[in-house]
């Protein structure tokens, strides 16, 4: 179990490294992978434990996931970090990149969320319940753009009140850097 947790932490460190590199400018996928390998070899030579991958498949999977979640834009030949990607990299409203990434995936509309325009779901805390099998906090959510209403699993370990507070904190933080659908901060 400890090895899996360490591997997961190392994977998210690598993802953070990818975003750090992209925050410095635009790169082709090949240039991005070369930059991360170069950074890893430097860190490894300084005595830090850094995974050195034998192939590029994990990096390619991460790039696809970052494009699918609109954290990165592929403008044809170069990758570019979006304002949401910049927020993910620098925000302190949620402590880890992994938790910020998961939170954003849970509070955005799968249909309407785009690279230049984040569609944040409106949550309805008064509809909250715990799923009996997964123990996840479930709430009714509505997309302000497509008007899709659905019940969605939102958190493993937060109460409805805690989730609402974190949601409001994240929305306040997002307003500073990211363009998103008009959203009311909940009282």
C-alpha atoms as a PDB file:
ATOM      1  CA  UNK A   1       0.000   0.000   0.000  1.00  0.00           C
ATOM      2  CA  UNK A   2       2.834   2.387   0.896  1.00  0.00           C
ATOM      3  CA  UNK A   3       4.524   1.746  -2.483  1.00  0.00           C
ATOM      4  CA  UNK A   4       1.300   2.571  -4.347  1.00  0.00           C
ATOM      5  CA  UNK A   5       0.927   5.826  -2.394  1.00  0.00           C
ATOM      6  CA  UNK A   6       4.552   6.760  -3.135  1.00  0.00           C
ATOM      7  CA  UNK A   7       4.087   5.944  -6.822  1.00  0.00           C
ATOM      8  CA  UNK A   8       0.926   8.058  -6.898  1.00  0.00           C
ATOM      9  CA  UNK A   9       2.703  10.986  -5.225  1.00  0.00           C
ATOM     10  CA  UNK A  10       5.605  10.679  -7.691  1.00  0.00           C
ATOM     11  CA  UNK A  11       3.135  10.651 -10.584  1.00  0.00           C
ATOM     12  CA  UNK A  12       1.514  13.882  -9.384  1.00  0.00           C
ATOM     13  CA  UNK A  13       4.960  15.440  -8.900  1.00  0.00           C
ATOM     14  CA  UNK A  14       5.637  14.636 -12.548  1.00  0.00           C
ATOM     15  CA  UNK A  15       2.301  16.138 -13.597  1.00  0.00           C
ATOM     16  CA  UNK A  16       3.177  19.282 -11.645  1.00  0.00           C
ATOM     17  CA  UNK A  17       6.516  19.335 -13.454  1.00  0.00           C
ATOM     18  CA  UNK A  18       4.660  19.188 -16.802  1.00  0.00           C
ATOM     19  CA  UNK A  19       2.493  22.157 -15.805  1.00  0.00           C
ATOM     20  CA  UNK A  20       5.545  24.058 -14.494  1.00  0.00           C
ATOM     21  CA  UNK A  21       7.263  23.595 -17.845  1.00  0.00           C
ATOM     22  CA  UNK A  22       4.148  24.691 -19.760  1.00  0.00           C
ATOM     23  CA  UNK A  23       3.826  27.782 -17.562  1.00  0.00           C
ATOM     24  CA  UNK A  24       7.113  28.961 -19.104  1.00  0.00           C
ATOM     25  CA  UNK A  25       5.761  29.022 -22.660  1.00  0.00           C
ATOM     26  CA  UNK A  26       4.492  26.857 -25.494  1.00  0.00           C
ATOM     27  CA  UNK A  27       6.003  23.487 -26.336  1.00  0.00           C
ATOM     28  CA  UNK A  28       5.409  20.661 -28.762  1.00  0.00           C
ATOM     29  CA  UNK A  29       4.635  17.342 -27.091  1.00  0.00           C
ATOM     30  CA  UNK A  30       8.146  16.161 -27.993  1.00  0.00           C
ATOM     31  CA  UNK A  31       9.757  19.302 -26.496  1.00  0.00           C
ATOM     32  CA  UNK A  32       7.636  18.930 -23.357  1.00  0.00           C
ATOM     33  CA  UNK A  33       8.685  15.311 -22.850  1.00  0.00           C
ATOM     34  CA  UNK A  34      12.344  16.180 -23.485  1.00  0.00           C
ATOM     35  CA  UNK A  35      12.105  19.022 -20.950  1.00  0.00           C
ATOM     36  CA  UNK A  36      10.625  16.814 -18.267  1.00  0.00           C
ATOM     37  CA  UNK A  37      13.239  14.099 -18.882  1.00  0.00           C
ATOM     38  CA  UNK A  38      15.993  16.723 -18.662  1.00  0.00           C
ATOM     39  CA  UNK A  39      14.555  18.103 -15.412  1.00  0.00           C
ATOM     40  CA  UNK A  40      14.246  14.620 -13.947  1.00  0.00           C
ATOM     41  CA  UNK A  41      17.821  13.701 -14.811  1.00  0.00           C
ATOM     42  CA  UNK A  42      19.086  16.915 -13.169  1.00  0.00           C
ATOM     43  CA  UNK A  43      17.084  16.207 -10.018  1.00  0.00           C
ATOM     44  CA  UNK A  44      18.270  12.602 -10.027  1.00  0.00           C
ATOM     45  CA  UNK A  45      21.902  13.699 -10.329  1.00  0.00           C
ATOM     46  CA  UNK A  46      21.343  15.946  -7.291  1.00  0.00           C
ATOM     47  CA  UNK A  47      20.399  12.861  -5.272  1.00  0.00           C
ATOM     48  CA  UNK A  48      16.628  13.279  -5.316  1.00  0.00           C
ATOM     49  CA  UNK A  49      14.463  10.218  -5.928  1.00  0.00           C
ATOM     50  CA  UNK A  50      12.865  10.868  -9.292  1.00  0.00           C
ATOM     51  CA  UNK A  51      11.228   8.197 -11.441  1.00  0.00           C
ATOM     52  CA  UNK A  52      12.895   7.845 -14.809  1.00  0.00           C
ATOM     53  CA  UNK A  53      10.439   6.384 -17.290  1.00  0.00           C
ATOM     54  CA  UNK A  54      11.572   4.077 -20.056  1.00  0.00           C
ATOM     55  CA  UNK A  55       8.827   5.112 -22.463  1.00  0.00           C
ATOM     56  CA  UNK A  56       6.632   8.123 -23.144  1.00  0.00           C
ATOM     57  CA  UNK A  57       3.216   6.495 -22.732  1.00  0.00           C
ATOM     58  CA  UNK A  58       2.500   7.949 -19.261  1.00  0.00           C
ATOM     59  CA  UNK A  59       3.468  11.439 -20.436  1.00  0.00           C
ATOM     60  CA  UNK A  60       1.284  11.068 -23.514  1.00  0.00           C
ATOM     61  CA  UNK A  61      -1.656   9.887 -21.374  1.00  0.00           C
ATOM     62  CA  UNK A  62      -1.244  12.899 -19.076  1.00  0.00           C
ATOM     63  CA  UNK A  63      -1.122  15.323 -21.997  1.00  0.00           C
ATOM     64  CA  UNK A  64      -4.338  13.799 -23.387  1.00  0.00           C
ATOM     65  CA  UNK A  65      -6.006  14.070 -19.956  1.00  0.00           C
ATOM     66  CA  UNK A  66      -4.869  17.698 -19.581  1.00  0.00           C
ATOM     67  CA  UNK A  67      -6.258  18.513 -23.034  1.00  0.00           C
ATOM     68  CA  UNK A  68      -9.530  16.680 -22.305  1.00  0.00           C
ATOM     69  CA  UNK A  69     -10.023  18.676 -19.099  1.00  0.00           C
ATOM     70  CA  UNK A  70      -9.047  21.928 -20.843  1.00  0.00           C
ATOM     71  CA  UNK A  71      -6.052  22.560 -18.629  1.00  0.00           C
ATOM     72  CA  UNK A  72      -3.911  22.612 -21.772  1.00  0.00           C
ATOM     73  CA  UNK A  73      -4.769  23.716 -25.314  1.00  0.00           C
ATOM     74  CA  UNK A  74      -3.223  22.092 -28.361  1.00  0.00           C
ATOM     75  CA  UNK A  75      -3.163  24.853 -30.979  1.00  0.00           C
ATOM     76  CA  UNK A  76      -2.112  22.494 -33.731  1.00  0.00           C
ATOM     77  CA  UNK A  77       1.566  22.081 -33.054  1.00  0.00           C
ATOM     78  CA  UNK A  78       2.199  23.566 -29.625  1.00  0.00           C
ATOM     79  CA  UNK A  79       0.732  22.997 -26.192  1.00  0.00           C
ATOM     80  CA  UNK A  80      -0.317  26.021 -24.172  1.00  0.00           C
ATOM     81  CA  UNK A  81      -1.380  26.221 -20.526  1.00  0.00           C
ATOM     82  CA  UNK A  82      -4.881  27.685 -20.141  1.00  0.00           C
ATOM     83  CA  UNK A  83      -5.889  30.095 -17.349  1.00  0.00           C
ATOM     84  CA  UNK A  84      -7.463  27.083 -15.618  1.00  0.00           C
ATOM     85  CA  UNK A  85      -4.121  25.278 -15.903  1.00  0.00           C
ATOM     86  CA  UNK A  86      -2.355  28.280 -14.404  1.00  0.00           C
ATOM     87  CA  UNK A  87      -4.887  28.301 -11.570  1.00  0.00           C
ATOM     88  CA  UNK A  88      -4.335  24.579 -10.947  1.00  0.00           C
ATOM     89  CA  UNK A  89      -0.607  25.161 -10.765  1.00  0.00           C
ATOM     90  CA  UNK A  90      -0.627  28.180  -8.446  1.00  0.00           C
ATOM     91  CA  UNK A  91      -3.801  28.120  -6.340  1.00  0.00           C
ATOM     92  CA  UNK A  92      -3.572  27.588  -2.615  1.00  0.00           C
ATOM     93  CA  UNK A  93      -7.313  27.229  -2.000  1.00  0.00           C
ATOM     94  CA  UNK A  94      -6.852  23.431  -2.093  1.00  0.00           C
ATOM     95  CA  UNK A  95      -3.533  22.105  -0.856  1.00  0.00           C
ATOM     96  CA  UNK A  96      -2.413  19.650  -3.573  1.00  0.00           C
ATOM     97  CA  UNK A  97      -2.462  19.690  -7.357  1.00  0.00           C
ATOM     98  CA  UNK A  98      -4.141  16.280  -7.355  1.00  0.00           C
ATOM     99  CA  UNK A  99      -6.962  17.493  -5.086  1.00  0.00           C
ATOM    100  CA  UNK A 100      -7.413  20.710  -7.113  1.00  0.00           C
ATOM    101  CA  UNK A 101      -7.574  18.690 -10.343  1.00  0.00           C
ATOM    102  CA  UNK A 102     -10.125  16.217  -8.938  1.00  0.00           C
ATOM    103  CA  UNK A 103     -12.220  19.036  -7.461  1.00  0.00           C
ATOM    104  CA  UNK A 104     -12.350  20.930 -10.771  1.00  0.00           C
ATOM    105  CA  UNK A 105     -13.330  17.760 -12.643  1.00  0.00           C
ATOM    106  CA  UNK A 106     -16.192  17.248 -10.195  1.00  0.00           C
ATOM    107  CA  UNK A 107     -17.603  20.789 -10.290  1.00  0.00           C
ATOM    108  CA  UNK A 108     -17.496  21.392 -14.045  1.00  0.00           C
ATOM    109  CA  UNK A 109     -20.025  20.354 -16.674  1.00  0.00           C
ATOM    110  CA  UNK A 110     -18.749  17.510 -18.841  1.00  0.00           C
ATOM    111  CA  UNK A 111     -20.605  18.894 -21.867  1.00  0.00           C
ATOM    112  CA  UNK A 112     -20.064  22.651 -21.578  1.00  0.00           C
ATOM    113  CA  UNK A 113     -16.632  22.992 -19.992  1.00  0.00           C
ATOM    114  CA  UNK A 114     -14.195  24.419 -22.583  1.00  0.00           C
ATOM    115  CA  UNK A 115     -10.616  25.651 -22.642  1.00  0.00           C
ATOM    116  CA  UNK A 116     -11.511  29.327 -22.676  1.00  0.00           C
ATOM    117  CA  UNK A 117     -14.673  29.075 -20.649  1.00  0.00           C
ATOM    118  CA  UNK A 118     -15.091  26.992 -17.505  1.00  0.00           C
ATOM    119  CA  UNK A 119     -18.689  25.929 -16.885  1.00  0.00           C
ATOM    120  CA  UNK A 120     -18.995  25.524 -13.109  1.00  0.00           C
ATOM    121  CA  UNK A 121     -21.947  23.487 -11.934  1.00  0.00           C
ATOM    122  CA  UNK A 122     -24.328  25.093  -9.470  1.00  0.00           C
ATOM    123  CA  UNK A 123     -24.565  22.841  -6.428  1.00  0.00           C
ATOM    124  CA  UNK A 124     -27.662  22.371  -4.287  1.00  0.00           C
ATOM    125  CA  UNK A 125     -26.391  21.518  -0.780  1.00  0.00           C
ATOM    126  CA  UNK A 126     -29.912  20.989   0.577  1.00  0.00           C
ATOM    127  CA  UNK A 127     -30.143  17.884  -1.667  1.00  0.00           C
ATOM    128  CA  UNK A 128     -27.017  16.257  -0.258  1.00  0.00           C
ATOM    129  CA  UNK A 129     -26.869  12.621   0.778  1.00  0.00           C
ATOM    130  CA  UNK A 130     -24.267   9.911   1.255  1.00  0.00           C
ATOM    131  CA  UNK A 131     -24.180   7.108  -1.286  1.00  0.00           C
ATOM    132  CA  UNK A 132     -24.521   3.915   0.736  1.00  0.00           C
ATOM    133  CA  UNK A 133     -22.072   1.900  -1.384  1.00  0.00           C
ATOM    134  CA  UNK A 134     -19.304   4.407  -2.146  1.00  0.00           C
ATOM    135  CA  UNK A 135     -19.833   6.658   0.919  1.00  0.00           C
ATOM    136  CA  UNK A 136     -19.502   9.626  -1.454  1.00  0.00           C
ATOM    137  CA  UNK A 137     -21.285  12.918  -0.804  1.00  0.00           C
ATOM    138  CA  UNK A 138     -23.879  13.272  -3.568  1.00  0.00           C
ATOM    139  CA  UNK A 139     -25.680  16.496  -4.470  1.00  0.00           C
ATOM    140  CA  UNK A 140     -27.977  17.697  -7.179  1.00  0.00           C
ATOM    141  CA  UNK A 141     -26.055  19.940  -9.581  1.00  0.00           C
ATOM    142  CA  UNK A 142     -27.154  22.122 -12.482  1.00  0.00           C
ATOM    143  CA  UNK A 143     -25.150  23.491 -15.386  1.00  0.00           C
ATOM    144  CA  UNK A 144     -25.906  27.185 -15.911  1.00  0.00           C
ATOM    145  CA  UNK A 145     -25.293  26.812 -19.646  1.00  0.00           C
ATOM    146  CA  UNK A 146     -27.011  23.626 -20.835  1.00  0.00           C
ATOM    147  CA  UNK A 147     -29.375  23.409 -17.830  1.00  0.00           C
ATOM    148  CA  UNK A 148     -28.512  19.748 -17.287  1.00  0.00           C
ATOM    149  CA  UNK A 149     -29.657  18.681 -13.792  1.00  0.00           C
ATOM    150  CA  UNK A 150     -28.101  15.590 -12.297  1.00  0.00           C
ATOM    151  CA  UNK A 151     -27.062  13.954  -9.050  1.00  0.00           C
ATOM    152  CA  UNK A 152     -23.295  13.870  -8.855  1.00  0.00           C
ATOM    153  CA  UNK A 153     -20.788  12.339  -6.458  1.00  0.00           C
ATOM    154  CA  UNK A 154     -18.671  15.234  -5.226  1.00  0.00           C
ATOM    155  CA  UNK A 155     -16.532  14.236  -2.236  1.00  0.00           C
ATOM    156  CA  UNK A 156     -15.323  11.226  -0.296  1.00  0.00           C
ATOM    157  CA  UNK A 157     -14.648  12.914   3.021  1.00  0.00           C
ATOM    158  CA  UNK A 158     -16.441  16.261   3.254  1.00  0.00           C
ATOM    159  CA  UNK A 159     -19.856  17.040   4.677  1.00  0.00           C
ATOM    160  CA  UNK A 160     -22.304  19.108   2.614  1.00  0.00           C
ATOM    161  CA  UNK A 161     -21.448  22.186   4.660  1.00  0.00           C
ATOM    162  CA  UNK A 162     -17.685  21.664   4.281  1.00  0.00           C
ATOM    163  CA  UNK A 163     -18.076  21.059   0.552  1.00  0.00           C
ATOM    164  CA  UNK A 164     -20.165  24.214   0.153  1.00  0.00           C
ATOM    165  CA  UNK A 165     -17.502  26.254   1.973  1.00  0.00           C
ATOM    166  CA  UNK A 166     -14.714  24.810  -0.170  1.00  0.00           C
ATOM    167  CA  UNK A 167     -16.798  25.359  -3.321  1.00  0.00           C
ATOM    168  CA  UNK A 168     -17.288  29.036  -2.430  1.00  0.00           C
ATOM    169  CA  UNK A 169     -13.583  29.434  -1.648  1.00  0.00           C
ATOM    170  CA  UNK A 170     -12.597  27.886  -4.983  1.00  0.00           C
ATOM    171  CA  UNK A 171     -15.088  30.045  -6.918  1.00  0.00           C
ATOM    172  CA  UNK A 172     -13.737  33.180  -5.261  1.00  0.00           C
ATOM    173  CA  UNK A 173     -10.201  32.098  -6.144  1.00  0.00           C
ATOM    174  CA  UNK A 174     -11.162  31.155  -9.722  1.00  0.00           C
ATOM    175  CA  UNK A 175     -12.736  34.579 -10.327  1.00  0.00           C
ATOM    176  CA  UNK A 176      -9.280  36.139 -10.101  1.00  0.00           C
ATOM    177  CA  UNK A 177      -7.857  34.246 -13.088  1.00  0.00           C
ATOM    178  CA  UNK A 178     -10.408  32.161 -14.931  1.00  0.00           C
ATOM    179  CA  UNK A 179     -13.411  33.093 -17.036  1.00  0.00           C
ATOM    180  CA  UNK A 180     -16.397  30.954 -16.097  1.00  0.00           C
ATOM    181  CA  UNK A 181     -20.162  30.859 -16.304  1.00  0.00           C
ATOM    182  CA  UNK A 182     -21.792  33.384 -13.961  1.00  0.00           C
ATOM    183  CA  UNK A 183     -22.214  31.628 -10.670  1.00  0.00           C
ATOM    184  CA  UNK A 184     -23.730  32.644  -7.388  1.00  0.00           C
ATOM    185  CA  UNK A 185     -21.584  32.074  -4.349  1.00  0.00           C
ATOM    186  CA  UNK A 186     -23.751  30.202  -1.905  1.00  0.00           C
ATOM    187  CA  UNK A 187     -24.674  31.829   1.422  1.00  0.00           C
END
